[in-house]
Protein backbone atom coordinates (compact mmCIF):
# COMPACT_ATOMS: atom_id res chain seq x y z
CA MET A 1 59.42 140.15 139.54
CA SER A 2 60.54 139.98 136.04
CA ALA A 3 58.16 141.27 133.27
CA ALA A 4 58.15 137.74 131.58
CA VAL A 5 57.26 135.89 134.61
CA THR A 6 54.57 138.67 135.55
CA VAL A 7 52.94 138.75 132.21
CA PHE A 8 52.97 135.04 131.77
CA PRO A 9 52.57 133.44 135.46
CA GLN A 10 51.30 130.09 133.95
CA TRP A 11 54.44 129.42 131.90
CA ARG A 12 55.02 126.11 133.31
CA GLU A 13 51.88 124.75 131.97
CA HIS A 14 53.42 125.28 128.38
CA ALA A 15 57.15 124.13 128.92
CA ARG A 16 58.37 121.79 126.73
CA CYS A 17 59.84 119.92 129.86
CA ARG A 18 56.71 119.38 131.71
CA GLY A 19 56.33 115.78 132.43
CA ALA A 20 60.02 115.02 131.41
CA ASP A 21 62.35 113.19 133.77
CA ALA A 22 63.82 116.08 135.86
CA ALA A 23 67.27 114.36 135.99
CA ILE A 24 67.74 115.47 132.29
CA PHE A 25 68.23 118.96 133.59
CA TYR A 26 70.64 118.28 136.51
CA PRO A 27 73.61 117.03 134.20
CA THR A 28 76.86 116.08 135.49
CA THR A 29 78.87 115.67 132.20
CA GLU A 30 79.26 118.23 129.10
CA ASP A 31 77.52 115.98 126.95
CA GLU A 32 74.40 115.86 129.47
CA ILE A 33 74.75 119.57 129.50
CA ARG A 34 74.56 119.87 125.57
CA LYS A 35 71.56 117.53 125.83
CA ALA A 36 69.53 119.77 128.30
CA ARG A 37 70.19 122.68 126.26
CA ALA A 38 68.90 121.19 123.06
CA PHE A 39 65.86 120.19 125.16
CA CYS A 40 65.47 123.94 126.24
CA ALA A 41 66.25 125.56 122.61
CA THR A 42 62.95 124.64 121.34
CA CYS A 43 61.13 125.47 124.36
CA PRO A 44 58.47 128.05 123.61
CA VAL A 45 58.65 129.50 127.39
CA ARG A 46 62.50 129.46 127.62
CA GLU A 47 62.70 132.90 128.58
CA CYS A 48 60.10 132.75 131.29
CA CYS A 49 61.96 129.86 132.61
CA LEU A 50 65.20 131.80 132.79
CA GLU A 51 63.67 134.59 134.33
CA HIS A 52 62.06 132.48 136.99
CA ALA A 53 65.36 130.95 137.79
CA LEU A 54 67.07 134.20 137.90
CA LEU A 55 64.30 135.69 140.07
CA HIS A 56 64.45 132.76 142.58
CA ARG A 57 68.37 132.39 142.51
CA GLU A 58 67.90 128.73 141.50
CA ARG A 59 71.53 127.48 141.93
CA ASP A 60 71.83 124.18 140.33
CA GLY A 61 70.29 122.55 137.05
CA ILE A 62 69.61 123.78 133.50
CA TRP A 63 67.09 126.40 133.40
CA GLY A 64 66.11 128.22 130.27
CA GLY A 65 69.04 126.72 128.72
CA MET A 66 71.51 127.98 131.32
CA THR A 67 73.63 126.44 133.88
CA GLY A 68 73.88 127.59 137.37
CA ARG A 69 77.30 129.32 136.60
CA GLU A 70 75.77 131.13 133.49
CA ARG A 71 72.97 132.38 135.49
CA ARG A 72 75.29 133.84 138.13
CA ARG A 73 77.05 135.58 135.32
CA VAL A 74 73.86 137.18 134.07
CA LEU A 75 72.95 138.43 137.74
CA ARG A 76 76.33 139.82 138.14
CA GLN A 77 75.97 141.76 134.92
CA ARG A 78 72.55 142.93 135.76
CA TYR A 79 73.01 143.82 139.45
CA GLY A 80 76.81 143.82 140.03
CA GLY A 81 78.54 141.70 142.27
CA VAL A 82 75.74 139.48 143.36
């Protein structure tokens, strides 16, 4: 488990998106992706969210301000060929 998620396991309680419509984070257009990223940009636990998504290999949606494609790129850089 990543250090961010281990050190701050209750990160979801502090997420800016808590209680928001989850559809915001499953965008279908570039404009919707920009809106989701803007929402994440000011979240105090954005890094924990991203690490959670990387750890659990979340394939879809915006997590920590990144799309699934961007997260897969991060995993490949970290671990090679994931």
